[in-house]
N, C-alpha and C. Protein backbone atom coordinates (compact mmCIF):
# COMPACT_ATOMS: atom_id res chain seq x y z
N UNK A 1 105.11 105.83 61.33
CA UNK A 1 105.09 105.93 62.78
C UNK A 1 106.42 106.69 63.15
N UNK A 2 106.13 107.56 64.08
CA UNK A 2 107.13 108.34 64.56
C UNK A 2 108.29 107.57 65.24
N UNK A 3 109.60 108.11 65.05
CA UNK A 3 110.73 107.40 65.60
C UNK A 3 110.62 107.07 67.07
N UNK A 4 110.16 108.13 67.85
CA UNK A 4 110.09 107.98 69.39
C UNK A 4 109.12 106.88 69.63
N UNK A 5 108.09 106.89 68.94
CA UNK A 5 106.98 105.97 69.34
C UNK A 5 107.34 104.53 69.07
N UNK A 6 108.17 104.34 67.97
CA UNK A 6 108.73 102.93 67.64
C UNK A 6 109.68 102.48 68.78
N UNK A 7 110.52 103.40 69.17
CA UNK A 7 111.57 103.07 70.28
C UNK A 7 110.92 102.70 71.52
N UNK A 8 109.89 103.57 71.96
CA UNK A 8 109.13 103.23 73.10
C UNK A 8 108.42 102.02 73.14
N UNK A 9 107.92 101.68 72.01
CA UNK A 9 106.89 100.33 71.70
C UNK A 9 107.94 99.18 72.00
N UNK A 10 109.08 99.27 71.40
CA UNK A 10 110.06 98.17 71.31
C UNK A 10 110.79 97.93 72.78
N UNK A 11 110.82 98.98 73.52
CA UNK A 11 111.35 98.99 74.94
C UNK A 11 110.40 98.25 75.96
N UNK A 12 109.22 98.15 75.56
CA UNK A 12 108.43 97.47 76.57
C UNK A 12 108.47 95.88 76.57
N UNK A 13 108.82 95.28 75.66
CA UNK A 13 109.09 93.84 75.52
C UNK A 13 110.44 93.54 76.05
N UNK A 14 110.56 92.62 76.95
CA UNK A 14 111.91 92.17 77.46
C UNK A 14 112.61 91.38 76.39
N UNK A 15 113.87 91.63 76.52
CA UNK A 15 114.69 90.95 75.52
C UNK A 15 115.23 89.56 76.13
N UNK A 16 115.51 89.46 77.32
CA UNK A 16 116.06 88.33 78.07
C UNK A 16 115.07 87.71 79.04
N UNK A 17 115.18 86.42 79.16
CA UNK A 17 114.33 85.73 80.28
C UNK A 17 115.36 85.32 81.34
N UNK A 18 115.02 85.62 82.56
CA UNK A 18 116.01 85.30 83.75
C UNK A 18 115.34 84.38 84.60
N UNK A 19 114.45 83.60 84.06
CA UNK A 19 113.87 82.38 84.92
C UNK A 19 114.75 81.42 85.47
N UNK A 20 115.83 81.17 84.63
CA UNK A 20 116.67 80.13 85.19
C UNK A 20 118.14 80.64 85.48
N UNK A 21 118.20 81.94 85.83
CA UNK A 21 119.50 82.53 86.22
C UNK A 21 119.68 82.05 87.69
N UNK A 22 120.95 82.06 88.03
CA UNK A 22 121.29 81.56 89.42
C UNK A 22 120.71 82.39 90.47
N UNK A 23 120.57 83.52 90.24
CA UNK A 23 119.79 84.49 91.33
C UNK A 23 118.37 84.55 91.22
N UNK A 24 117.81 83.85 90.39
CA UNK A 24 116.36 83.69 90.20
C UNK A 24 115.72 82.95 91.53
N UNK A 25 116.39 81.84 91.94
CA UNK A 25 115.74 81.16 92.98
C UNK A 25 116.35 81.77 94.39
N UNK A 26 115.80 82.76 94.81
CA UNK A 26 116.32 83.38 96.18
C UNK A 26 115.78 82.62 97.41
N UNK A 27 116.60 82.14 98.10
CA UNK A 27 116.19 81.46 99.34
C UNK A 27 115.89 82.35 100.43
N UNK A 28 116.75 83.46 100.67
CA UNK A 28 116.60 84.27 101.64
C UNK A 28 117.47 85.62 101.23
N UNK A 29 117.27 86.65 102.10
CA UNK A 29 117.90 87.93 101.89
C UNK A 29 118.57 88.43 103.18
N UNK A 30 119.84 88.82 103.08
CA UNK A 30 120.54 89.35 104.31
C UNK A 30 119.95 90.55 104.84
N UNK A 31 119.65 90.69 106.08
CA UNK A 31 118.97 91.78 106.58
C UNK A 31 119.59 93.20 106.41
N UNK A 32 120.79 93.28 106.54
CA UNK A 32 121.26 94.69 106.51
C UNK A 32 121.68 95.16 105.01
N UNK A 33 122.29 94.32 104.37
CA UNK A 33 122.83 94.47 103.08
C UNK A 33 121.86 94.25 101.95
N UNK A 34 120.68 93.53 102.20
CA UNK A 34 119.64 93.09 101.29
C UNK A 34 120.20 92.22 100.22
N UNK A 35 121.33 91.55 100.41
CA UNK A 35 121.89 90.58 99.36
C UNK A 35 121.14 89.34 99.36
N UNK A 36 120.88 88.76 98.27
CA UNK A 36 120.05 87.61 98.11
C UNK A 36 120.98 86.45 98.22
N UNK A 37 120.53 85.37 98.84
CA UNK A 37 121.19 84.15 99.02
C UNK A 37 120.42 83.00 98.29
N UNK A 38 121.09 82.39 97.26
CA UNK A 38 120.33 81.35 96.50
C UNK A 38 120.41 80.05 97.33
N UNK A 39 119.37 79.28 96.81
CA UNK A 39 119.37 77.83 97.47
C UNK A 39 120.58 77.15 97.20
N UNK A 40 120.70 75.99 97.87
CA UNK A 40 121.96 75.22 97.74
C UNK A 40 121.86 74.34 96.33
N UNK A 41 120.64 74.09 95.89
CA UNK A 41 120.29 73.44 94.58
C UNK A 41 120.79 74.44 93.52
N UNK A 42 120.44 75.69 93.48
CA UNK A 42 120.81 76.52 92.55
C UNK A 42 122.19 76.83 92.39
N UNK A 43 122.92 76.92 93.51
CA UNK A 43 124.34 77.01 93.54
C UNK A 43 125.02 75.69 92.74
N UNK A 44 124.61 74.52 93.25
CA UNK A 44 125.20 73.41 92.63
C UNK A 44 124.81 73.37 91.08
N UNK A 45 123.64 73.72 90.77
CA UNK A 45 123.38 73.71 89.25
C UNK A 45 124.28 74.83 88.37
N UNK A 46 124.44 75.89 89.15
CA UNK A 46 125.23 76.97 88.51
C UNK A 46 126.72 76.55 88.28
N UNK A 47 127.21 75.73 89.47
CA UNK A 47 128.50 75.36 89.33
C UNK A 47 128.68 74.27 88.24
N UNK A 48 127.77 73.37 88.03
CA UNK A 48 127.75 72.30 87.05
C UNK A 48 127.77 72.88 85.84
N UNK A 49 126.87 74.00 85.68
CA UNK A 49 126.83 74.48 84.42
C UNK A 49 128.13 75.23 83.95
N UNK A 50 128.78 75.95 85.02
CA UNK A 50 130.17 76.47 84.66
C UNK A 50 131.20 75.35 84.26
N UNK A 51 131.15 74.33 85.04
CA UNK A 51 132.20 73.28 84.79
C UNK A 51 131.96 72.66 83.55
N UNK A 52 130.86 72.36 83.12
CA UNK A 52 130.64 71.82 81.74
C UNK A 52 130.78 72.68 80.62
N UNK A 53 130.77 74.06 80.84
CA UNK A 53 130.78 74.89 79.69
C UNK A 53 132.22 75.70 79.75
N UNK A 54 133.18 75.20 80.27
CA UNK A 54 134.44 75.97 80.36
C UNK A 54 135.16 75.71 79.05
N UNK A 55 136.00 76.69 78.63
CA UNK A 55 136.61 76.66 77.42
C UNK A 55 137.89 76.06 77.55
C-alpha cells in the first residue's frame, strides 16, 4: 500500500470521542460572538470532575 494512501485512510477515523466534553451539551449560542453556552448541569458536572481529579 502506498504511504500516502495509508495516511489518508487512517485520518478518516476519529481518535477522540467528544460526547461527554463540557462543551458538547450546548444550551445556547451568543448572537454576535457565536460563543457556545453550556447548560448548568454540564457546568456542574465539569466542576465536579475537576474537583475530584485535582492533584
